[in-house]
Amino acid sequence: PNAYLTLSAAGTHVITFTGSDGVNSVSDTMTVTVNASPPPPSNPFALSDAYFWADGGGSRATWNPSTGVINVLQSGQPYQVNLSWPVVVTAGITKTVTFSCVGGGNTVEVVLKEAGGGNISVYASGVVNCDGNKTVTLTSAQTNQAALLAFNFGKAVETYALGDINAQ
């Protein structure tokens, strides 16, 4: 006969096996170590890892990565303040981006765009009101391109609070 044992708790377990034919019996012990489950993978879109850029520098906007607060201090061109993280896009890739955002009902633009300077190509973008939990689906036509997942703010003087970013 076969015997099966399932151990669901992490730790060191001492197991005693006993077999008997009714007349004779034999026992043996075995020590089994069950490791704890690994922690979930870190979020590659942590606010503390975001690259912050403001057209016109720090006099135009400030950024606090520990709280997710962006203060746009001067109005100007649409989406003058940018937070971004590196990604790689391939043809037909779809990124579903979920996040929370508070910003007086102003809009935020979520973009997959070319990494680099100069005239930057936008691969996919979506605009939503910055007023709660949001989902934006972006589909890129580019192939094997280094890109940025970016959040663009700043149509008006406003305080935005961004958090809980995830992209799959």
N, C-alpha and C. Protein backbone atom coordinates (compact mmCIF):
# COMPACT_ATOMS: atom_id res chain seq x y z
N PRO A 1 0.83 -1.20 0.00
CA PRO A 1 0.00 0.00 0.00
C PRO A 1 0.87 1.25 0.00
N ASN A 2 0.31 2.32 -0.53
CA ASN A 2 0.98 3.62 -0.56
C ASN A 2 0.39 4.54 0.50
N ALA A 3 1.21 5.38 1.06
CA ALA A 3 0.75 6.38 2.02
C ALA A 3 1.14 7.76 1.50
N TYR A 4 0.26 8.71 1.68
CA TYR A 4 0.51 10.08 1.22
C TYR A 4 0.32 11.03 2.38
N LEU A 5 1.12 12.08 2.38
CA LEU A 5 1.06 13.08 3.44
C LEU A 5 1.17 14.46 2.78
N THR A 6 0.32 15.36 3.19
CA THR A 6 0.39 16.74 2.71
C THR A 6 0.70 17.65 3.88
N LEU A 7 1.74 18.45 3.74
CA LEU A 7 2.12 19.41 4.78
C LEU A 7 1.90 20.81 4.22
N SER A 8 1.01 21.55 4.83
CA SER A 8 0.71 22.88 4.29
C SER A 8 1.34 24.00 5.11
N ALA A 9 1.85 23.68 6.30
CA ALA A 9 2.46 24.71 7.14
C ALA A 9 3.98 24.70 6.97
N ALA A 10 4.55 25.87 6.84
CA ALA A 10 6.01 25.98 6.76
C ALA A 10 6.62 25.59 8.10
N GLY A 11 7.82 25.04 8.05
CA GLY A 11 8.53 24.68 9.27
C GLY A 11 9.16 23.31 9.16
N THR A 12 9.70 22.84 10.28
CA THR A 12 10.32 21.52 10.34
C THR A 12 9.33 20.55 10.97
N HIS A 13 9.09 19.45 10.29
CA HIS A 13 8.12 18.44 10.74
C HIS A 13 8.83 17.11 10.90
N VAL A 14 8.60 16.42 12.05
CA VAL A 14 9.13 15.09 12.29
C VAL A 14 7.98 14.11 12.07
N ILE A 15 8.18 13.19 11.17
CA ILE A 15 7.14 12.24 10.79
C ILE A 15 7.61 10.84 11.20
N THR A 16 6.72 10.10 11.85
CA THR A 16 7.03 8.72 12.24
C THR A 16 6.18 7.79 11.39
N PHE A 17 6.84 6.84 10.75
CA PHE A 17 6.17 5.82 9.93
C PHE A 17 6.20 4.51 10.70
N THR A 18 5.08 3.84 10.77
CA THR A 18 5.01 2.54 11.43
C THR A 18 4.29 1.58 10.51
N GLY A 19 4.88 0.39 10.34
CA GLY A 19 4.25 -0.66 9.55
C GLY A 19 4.10 -1.91 10.40
N SER A 20 3.01 -2.61 10.19
CA SER A 20 2.78 -3.82 10.98
C SER A 20 2.04 -4.84 10.13
N ASP A 21 2.40 -6.12 10.35
CA ASP A 21 1.67 -7.20 9.69
C ASP A 21 0.75 -7.92 10.68
N GLY A 22 0.58 -7.34 11.86
CA GLY A 22 -0.25 -7.94 12.89
C GLY A 22 0.57 -8.69 13.93
N VAL A 23 1.74 -9.18 13.54
CA VAL A 23 2.62 -9.89 14.45
C VAL A 23 3.86 -9.05 14.73
N ASN A 24 4.47 -8.57 13.68
CA ASN A 24 5.68 -7.76 13.78
C ASN A 24 5.39 -6.32 13.35
N SER A 25 6.14 -5.39 13.93
CA SER A 25 6.01 -4.00 13.51
C SER A 25 7.39 -3.35 13.46
N VAL A 26 7.49 -2.33 12.66
CA VAL A 26 8.73 -1.59 12.53
C VAL A 26 8.37 -0.10 12.39
N SER A 27 9.22 0.77 12.94
CA SER A 27 9.00 2.22 12.88
C SER A 27 10.27 2.91 12.43
N ASP A 28 10.07 4.07 11.81
CA ASP A 28 11.21 4.91 11.43
C ASP A 28 10.71 6.35 11.43
N THR A 29 11.62 7.29 11.65
CA THR A 29 11.26 8.71 11.62
C THR A 29 12.00 9.41 10.51
N MET A 30 11.41 10.50 10.10
CA MET A 30 11.98 11.30 9.02
C MET A 30 11.69 12.76 9.34
N THR A 31 12.66 13.62 9.08
CA THR A 31 12.48 15.06 9.28
C THR A 31 12.31 15.72 7.92
N VAL A 32 11.24 16.51 7.80
CA VAL A 32 10.93 17.20 6.55
C VAL A 32 10.86 18.69 6.85
N THR A 33 11.54 19.50 6.02
CA THR A 33 11.47 20.95 6.15
C THR A 33 10.65 21.51 5.00
N VAL A 34 9.60 22.26 5.34
CA VAL A 34 8.75 22.91 4.35
C VAL A 34 9.07 24.40 4.39
N ASN A 35 9.52 24.93 3.28
CA ASN A 35 9.86 26.35 3.19
C ASN A 35 8.62 27.19 2.97
N ALA A 36 8.65 28.40 3.47
CA ALA A 36 7.55 29.34 3.26
C ALA A 36 7.46 29.69 1.79
N SER A 37 6.26 30.06 1.35
CA SER A 37 6.08 30.49 -0.04
C SER A 37 6.92 31.73 -0.28
N PRO A 38 7.47 31.86 -1.49
CA PRO A 38 8.26 33.07 -1.78
C PRO A 38 7.33 34.28 -1.79
N PRO A 39 7.88 35.44 -1.50
CA PRO A 39 7.05 36.65 -1.54
C PRO A 39 6.61 36.92 -2.98
N PRO A 40 5.51 37.63 -3.15
CA PRO A 40 5.08 37.95 -4.51
C PRO A 40 6.15 38.80 -5.19
N PRO A 41 6.20 38.75 -6.52
CA PRO A 41 7.21 39.55 -7.23
C PRO A 41 7.00 41.03 -6.96
N SER A 42 8.09 41.77 -6.97
CA SER A 42 7.97 43.21 -6.73
C SER A 42 7.29 43.86 -7.93
N ASN A 43 6.64 44.96 -7.67
CA ASN A 43 5.94 45.69 -8.72
C ASN A 43 6.95 46.54 -9.49
N PRO A 44 7.14 46.26 -10.79
CA PRO A 44 8.10 47.06 -11.56
C PRO A 44 7.65 48.50 -11.76
N PHE A 45 6.43 48.82 -11.35
CA PHE A 45 5.91 50.16 -11.51
C PHE A 45 5.74 50.85 -10.17
N ALA A 46 6.68 50.59 -9.25
CA ALA A 46 6.66 51.25 -7.95
C ALA A 46 6.89 52.75 -8.14
N LEU A 47 6.16 53.54 -7.38
CA LEU A 47 6.31 54.99 -7.49
C LEU A 47 7.74 55.43 -7.21
N SER A 48 8.41 54.74 -6.29
CA SER A 48 9.77 55.12 -5.94
C SER A 48 10.76 54.90 -7.09
N ASP A 49 10.37 54.11 -8.10
CA ASP A 49 11.25 53.84 -9.24
C ASP A 49 10.92 54.69 -10.47
N ALA A 50 9.94 55.54 -10.36
CA ALA A 50 9.51 56.34 -11.51
C ALA A 50 10.53 57.43 -11.83
N TYR A 51 10.71 57.67 -13.12
CA TYR A 51 11.49 58.81 -13.58
C TYR A 51 10.54 60.01 -13.68
N PHE A 52 10.88 61.12 -13.05
CA PHE A 52 10.03 62.31 -13.04
C PHE A 52 10.64 63.38 -13.94
N TRP A 53 9.80 63.97 -14.74
CA TRP A 53 10.25 65.05 -15.62
C TRP A 53 9.16 66.11 -15.66
N ALA A 54 9.56 67.38 -15.53
CA ALA A 54 8.62 68.50 -15.66
C ALA A 54 9.18 69.48 -16.66
N ASP A 55 8.37 69.80 -17.66
CA ASP A 55 8.76 70.81 -18.64
C ASP A 55 8.94 72.12 -17.89
N GLY A 56 10.14 72.68 -17.90
CA GLY A 56 10.41 73.90 -17.16
C GLY A 56 11.04 73.64 -15.80
N GLY A 57 11.22 72.36 -15.44
CA GLY A 57 11.93 72.02 -14.21
C GLY A 57 11.07 72.11 -12.96
N GLY A 58 11.77 72.14 -11.80
CA GLY A 58 11.12 72.10 -10.51
C GLY A 58 10.25 73.29 -10.18
N SER A 59 10.41 74.40 -10.91
CA SER A 59 9.54 75.54 -10.65
C SER A 59 8.14 75.29 -11.21
N ARG A 60 8.02 74.33 -12.11
CA ARG A 60 6.72 74.03 -12.73
C ARG A 60 5.96 72.95 -11.99
N ALA A 61 6.69 71.99 -11.37
CA ALA A 61 6.02 70.89 -10.69
C ALA A 61 6.97 70.22 -9.70
N THR A 62 6.40 69.61 -8.67
CA THR A 62 7.19 68.83 -7.71
C THR A 62 6.59 67.43 -7.62
N TRP A 63 7.41 66.49 -7.16
CA TRP A 63 7.03 65.07 -7.11
C TRP A 63 7.54 64.47 -5.81
N ASN A 64 6.67 63.77 -5.10
CA ASN A 64 7.05 63.06 -3.88
C ASN A 64 6.80 61.57 -4.09
N PRO A 65 7.85 60.78 -4.39
CA PRO A 65 7.65 59.37 -4.69
C PRO A 65 7.17 58.54 -3.50
N SER A 66 7.40 59.01 -2.29
CA SER A 66 6.94 58.22 -1.14
C SER A 66 5.43 58.35 -0.92
N THR A 67 4.83 59.43 -1.38
CA THR A 67 3.38 59.61 -1.22
C THR A 67 2.62 59.54 -2.54
N GLY A 68 3.32 59.63 -3.66
CA GLY A 68 2.66 59.62 -4.96
C GLY A 68 2.03 60.96 -5.33
N VAL A 69 2.41 62.02 -4.62
CA VAL A 69 1.80 63.33 -4.86
C VAL A 69 2.62 64.14 -5.85
N ILE A 70 1.93 64.65 -6.87
CA ILE A 70 2.50 65.53 -7.88
C ILE A 70 1.80 66.87 -7.75
N ASN A 71 2.57 67.93 -7.55
CA ASN A 71 2.01 69.27 -7.50
C ASN A 71 2.40 70.01 -8.77
N VAL A 72 1.40 70.30 -9.60
CA VAL A 72 1.64 71.12 -10.80
C VAL A 72 1.46 72.56 -10.35
N LEU A 73 2.53 73.33 -10.43
CA LEU A 73 2.57 74.68 -9.87
C LEU A 73 2.25 75.76 -10.88
N GLN A 74 2.41 75.48 -12.17
CA GLN A 74 2.12 76.45 -13.22
C GLN A 74 1.36 75.76 -14.34
N SER A 75 0.33 76.42 -14.84
CA SER A 75 -0.36 75.84 -15.99
C SER A 75 0.51 76.04 -17.22
N GLY A 76 0.28 75.25 -18.21
CA GLY A 76 1.10 75.35 -19.42
C GLY A 76 0.56 74.41 -20.47
N GLN A 77 1.46 73.85 -21.23
CA GLN A 77 1.04 72.94 -22.29
C GLN A 77 0.39 71.71 -21.68
N PRO A 78 -0.50 71.07 -22.42
CA PRO A 78 -1.11 69.84 -21.91
C PRO A 78 -0.04 68.81 -21.58
N TYR A 79 -0.23 68.16 -20.47
CA TYR A 79 0.62 67.04 -20.06
C TYR A 79 2.09 67.41 -20.00
N GLN A 80 2.38 68.44 -19.22
CA GLN A 80 3.75 68.95 -19.09
C GLN A 80 4.56 68.23 -18.02
N VAL A 81 3.93 67.36 -17.24
CA VAL A 81 4.60 66.63 -16.17
C VAL A 81 4.48 65.15 -16.45
N ASN A 82 5.61 64.44 -16.35
CA ASN A 82 5.65 63.06 -16.81
C ASN A 82 6.30 62.16 -15.76
N LEU A 83 5.67 61.01 -15.49
CA LEU A 83 6.28 59.93 -14.71
C LEU A 83 6.41 58.75 -15.64
N SER A 84 7.56 58.07 -15.64
CA SER A 84 7.71 56.96 -16.58
C SER A 84 8.56 55.83 -16.02
N TRP A 85 8.35 54.62 -16.59
CA TRP A 85 9.08 53.41 -16.25
C TRP A 85 9.44 52.71 -17.55
N PRO A 86 10.62 52.06 -17.62
CA PRO A 86 10.99 51.34 -18.85
C PRO A 86 10.20 50.05 -19.03
N VAL A 87 9.83 49.74 -20.26
CA VAL A 87 9.18 48.48 -20.65
C VAL A 87 9.70 48.11 -22.03
N VAL A 88 9.42 46.90 -22.47
CA VAL A 88 9.71 46.49 -23.84
C VAL A 88 8.37 46.14 -24.48
N VAL A 89 8.11 46.67 -25.65
CA VAL A 89 6.86 46.37 -26.35
C VAL A 89 7.15 45.53 -27.59
N THR A 90 6.22 44.69 -27.92
CA THR A 90 6.29 43.89 -29.14
C THR A 90 4.99 44.08 -29.90
N ALA A 91 5.00 43.73 -31.18
CA ALA A 91 3.82 43.94 -32.03
C ALA A 91 2.60 43.28 -31.41
N GLY A 92 1.53 44.03 -31.30
CA GLY A 92 0.27 43.51 -30.81
C GLY A 92 0.19 43.36 -29.31
N ILE A 93 1.26 43.74 -28.59
CA ILE A 93 1.22 43.60 -27.13
C ILE A 93 0.14 44.52 -26.57
N THR A 94 -0.59 43.99 -25.60
CA THR A 94 -1.60 44.78 -24.92
C THR A 94 -1.20 44.90 -23.46
N LYS A 95 -1.14 46.10 -22.96
CA LYS A 95 -0.88 46.35 -21.54
C LYS A 95 -2.17 46.90 -20.94
N THR A 96 -2.66 46.20 -19.93
CA THR A 96 -3.79 46.70 -19.18
C THR A 96 -3.23 47.34 -17.92
N VAL A 97 -3.39 48.64 -17.83
CA VAL A 97 -2.80 49.42 -16.74
C VAL A 97 -3.92 49.79 -15.77
N THR A 98 -3.74 49.40 -14.52
CA THR A 98 -4.70 49.78 -13.48
C THR A 98 -3.97 50.67 -12.48
N PHE A 99 -4.69 51.66 -11.96
CA PHE A 99 -4.08 52.59 -11.02
C PHE A 99 -5.16 53.39 -10.32
N SER A 100 -4.78 54.03 -9.24
CA SER A 100 -5.67 54.98 -8.59
C SER A 100 -5.10 56.38 -8.80
N CYS A 101 -6.00 57.33 -8.96
CA CYS A 101 -5.57 58.70 -9.24
C CYS A 101 -6.62 59.67 -8.71
N VAL A 102 -6.16 60.69 -8.01
CA VAL A 102 -7.03 61.76 -7.55
C VAL A 102 -6.42 63.06 -8.05
N GLY A 103 -7.22 63.89 -8.69
CA GLY A 103 -6.67 65.14 -9.23
C GLY A 103 -7.72 66.13 -9.63
N GLY A 104 -8.71 66.33 -8.79
CA GLY A 104 -9.70 67.37 -9.05
C GLY A 104 -10.50 67.16 -10.32
N GLY A 105 -10.55 65.92 -10.83
CA GLY A 105 -11.29 65.64 -12.05
C GLY A 105 -10.53 65.97 -13.32
N ASN A 106 -9.30 66.49 -13.20
CA ASN A 106 -8.49 66.73 -14.38
C ASN A 106 -8.09 65.40 -15.00
N THR A 107 -7.57 65.45 -16.19
CA THR A 107 -7.24 64.21 -16.90
C THR A 107 -5.78 63.82 -16.71
N VAL A 108 -5.53 62.53 -16.90
CA VAL A 108 -4.19 61.98 -16.95
C VAL A 108 -4.12 61.17 -18.24
N GLU A 109 -2.99 61.27 -18.93
CA GLU A 109 -2.77 60.51 -20.15
C GLU A 109 -1.82 59.37 -19.81
N VAL A 110 -2.20 58.13 -20.17
CA VAL A 110 -1.36 56.96 -19.97
C VAL A 110 -0.84 56.55 -21.34
N VAL A 111 0.49 56.39 -21.47
CA VAL A 111 1.11 56.26 -22.78
C VAL A 111 2.15 55.15 -22.81
N LEU A 112 2.19 54.39 -23.90
CA LEU A 112 3.36 53.59 -24.26
C LEU A 112 4.06 54.40 -25.34
N LYS A 113 5.30 54.79 -25.08
CA LYS A 113 5.98 55.65 -26.04
C LYS A 113 7.43 55.23 -26.19
N GLU A 114 8.02 55.72 -27.26
CA GLU A 114 9.42 55.45 -27.56
C GLU A 114 10.31 55.99 -26.45
N ALA A 115 11.30 55.19 -26.07
CA ALA A 115 12.29 55.65 -25.09
C ALA A 115 13.36 56.44 -25.84
N GLY A 116 13.75 57.56 -25.32
CA GLY A 116 14.78 58.36 -25.96
C GLY A 116 14.34 59.80 -26.10
N GLY A 117 15.25 60.61 -26.60
CA GLY A 117 14.97 62.03 -26.74
C GLY A 117 14.53 62.39 -28.14
N GLY A 118 14.38 63.65 -28.36
CA GLY A 118 13.98 64.13 -29.69
C GLY A 118 12.50 63.93 -29.93
N ASN A 119 12.14 63.73 -31.20
CA ASN A 119 10.74 63.50 -31.55
C ASN A 119 10.37 62.08 -31.15
N ILE A 120 9.61 61.95 -30.09
CA ILE A 120 9.30 60.63 -29.53
C ILE A 120 7.98 60.13 -30.10
N SER A 121 8.00 58.90 -30.61
CA SER A 121 6.79 58.28 -31.16
C SER A 121 5.94 57.73 -30.02
N VAL A 122 4.65 57.95 -30.12
CA VAL A 122 3.69 57.37 -29.18
C VAL A 122 3.16 56.09 -29.82
N TYR A 123 3.31 54.96 -29.12
CA TYR A 123 2.85 53.68 -29.64
C TYR A 123 1.38 53.44 -29.33
N ALA A 124 0.93 53.90 -28.17
CA ALA A 124 -0.47 53.74 -27.77
C ALA A 124 -0.73 54.69 -26.61
N SER A 125 -1.95 55.21 -26.50
CA SER A 125 -2.25 56.11 -25.39
C SER A 125 -3.73 56.08 -25.07
N GLY A 126 -4.04 56.51 -23.87
CA GLY A 126 -5.42 56.65 -23.43
C GLY A 126 -5.50 57.77 -22.41
N VAL A 127 -6.62 58.48 -22.39
CA VAL A 127 -6.82 59.60 -21.48
C VAL A 127 -8.04 59.30 -20.62
N VAL A 128 -7.87 59.48 -19.29
CA VAL A 128 -8.99 59.26 -18.36
C VAL A 128 -9.03 60.41 -17.36
N ASN A 129 -10.19 60.62 -16.76
CA ASN A 129 -10.29 61.58 -15.66
C ASN A 129 -9.57 61.01 -14.45
N CYS A 130 -8.88 61.86 -13.76
CA CYS A 130 -8.10 61.47 -12.58
C CYS A 130 -9.01 61.59 -11.36
N ASP A 131 -9.92 60.62 -11.21
CA ASP A 131 -10.92 60.73 -10.15
C ASP A 131 -11.28 59.39 -9.51
N GLY A 132 -10.28 58.53 -9.30
CA GLY A 132 -10.56 57.25 -8.63
C GLY A 132 -9.74 56.12 -9.22
N ASN A 133 -10.27 54.90 -9.11
CA ASN A 133 -9.60 53.72 -9.65
C ASN A 133 -9.85 53.65 -11.15
N LYS A 134 -8.80 53.44 -11.91
CA LYS A 134 -8.88 53.51 -13.37
C LYS A 134 -8.24 52.29 -14.02
N THR A 135 -8.71 51.98 -15.23
CA THR A 135 -8.11 50.95 -16.07
C THR A 135 -7.98 51.52 -17.47
N VAL A 136 -6.79 51.40 -18.05
CA VAL A 136 -6.54 51.85 -19.42
C VAL A 136 -5.89 50.69 -20.15
N THR A 137 -6.42 50.32 -21.33
CA THR A 137 -5.84 49.26 -22.13
C THR A 137 -5.12 49.87 -23.32
N LEU A 138 -3.83 49.52 -23.46
CA LEU A 138 -2.99 50.06 -24.52
C LEU A 138 -2.50 48.92 -25.39
N THR A 139 -2.61 49.03 -26.71
CA THR A 139 -2.11 48.02 -27.63
C THR A 139 -1.11 48.65 -28.57
N SER A 140 0.10 48.06 -28.63
CA SER A 140 1.18 48.62 -29.44
C SER A 140 1.33 47.86 -30.75
N ALA A 141 1.64 48.59 -31.82
CA ALA A 141 1.93 47.96 -33.11
C ALA A 141 3.43 47.81 -33.33
N GLN A 142 4.23 48.28 -32.39
CA GLN A 142 5.69 48.24 -32.55
C GLN A 142 6.24 46.86 -32.23
N THR A 143 7.42 46.55 -32.75
CA THR A 143 8.06 45.25 -32.54
C THR A 143 9.36 45.42 -31.79
N ASN A 144 9.48 44.70 -30.67
CA ASN A 144 10.71 44.65 -29.88
C ASN A 144 11.37 46.01 -29.70
N GLN A 145 10.63 46.92 -29.19
CA GLN A 145 11.11 48.28 -28.98
C GLN A 145 11.28 48.57 -27.48
N ALA A 146 12.39 49.20 -27.13
CA ALA A 146 12.52 49.73 -25.78
C ALA A 146 11.53 50.88 -25.70
N ALA A 147 10.75 50.90 -24.66
CA ALA A 147 9.68 51.90 -24.56
C ALA A 147 9.56 52.37 -23.12
N LEU A 148 8.65 53.30 -22.93
CA LEU A 148 8.32 53.79 -21.60
C LEU A 148 6.83 53.68 -21.39
N LEU A 149 6.44 53.24 -20.20
CA LEU A 149 5.06 53.39 -19.76
C LEU A 149 5.03 54.70 -19.00
N ALA A 150 4.24 55.65 -19.45
CA ALA A 150 4.29 56.99 -18.87
C ALA A 150 2.91 57.47 -18.46
N PHE A 151 2.90 58.28 -17.42
CA PHE A 151 1.71 59.00 -16.98
C PHE A 151 2.01 60.47 -17.19
N ASN A 152 1.15 61.16 -17.92
CA ASN A 152 1.34 62.58 -18.21
C ASN A 152 0.26 63.40 -17.52
N PHE A 153 0.68 64.42 -16.77
CA PHE A 153 -0.21 65.28 -16.00
C PHE A 153 0.04 66.73 -16.39
N GLY A 154 -0.81 67.63 -15.89
CA GLY A 154 -0.44 69.02 -15.87
C GLY A 154 -1.14 69.96 -16.79
N LYS A 155 -2.37 69.67 -17.21
CA LYS A 155 -3.08 70.64 -18.03
C LYS A 155 -3.36 71.92 -17.24
N ALA A 156 -3.50 71.79 -15.93
CA ALA A 156 -3.83 72.94 -15.09
C ALA A 156 -3.09 72.82 -13.76
N VAL A 157 -3.02 73.92 -13.03
CA VAL A 157 -2.44 73.89 -11.70
C VAL A 157 -3.33 72.97 -10.85
N GLU A 158 -2.71 71.95 -10.27
CA GLU A 158 -3.49 70.95 -9.54
C GLU A 158 -2.55 70.09 -8.72
N THR A 159 -3.08 69.46 -7.70
CA THR A 159 -2.37 68.44 -6.95
C THR A 159 -2.97 67.09 -7.32
N TYR A 160 -2.12 66.19 -7.75
CA TYR A 160 -2.54 64.84 -8.12
C TYR A 160 -1.96 63.86 -7.11
N ALA A 161 -2.69 62.79 -6.84
CA ALA A 161 -2.16 61.71 -6.01
C ALA A 161 -2.31 60.42 -6.82
N LEU A 162 -1.19 59.76 -7.08
CA LEU A 162 -1.16 58.55 -7.91
C LEU A 162 -0.76 57.39 -7.04
N GLY A 163 -1.36 56.25 -7.27
CA GLY A 163 -0.97 55.07 -6.48
C GLY A 163 -1.43 53.78 -7.10
N ASP A 164 -0.94 52.67 -6.53
CA ASP A 164 -1.36 51.31 -6.88
C ASP A 164 -1.30 51.04 -8.38
N ILE A 165 -0.16 51.29 -9.00
CA ILE A 165 0.00 51.09 -10.43
C ILE A 165 0.34 49.63 -10.70
N ASN A 166 -0.33 49.04 -11.68
CA ASN A 166 -0.02 47.70 -12.12
C ASN A 166 -0.25 47.64 -13.63
N ALA A 167 0.60 46.92 -14.33
CA ALA A 167 0.44 46.77 -15.78
C ALA A 167 0.72 45.33 -16.15
N GLN A 168 -0.19 44.73 -16.85
CA GLN A 168 -0.04 43.34 -17.27
C GLN A 168 -0.30 43.20 -18.74
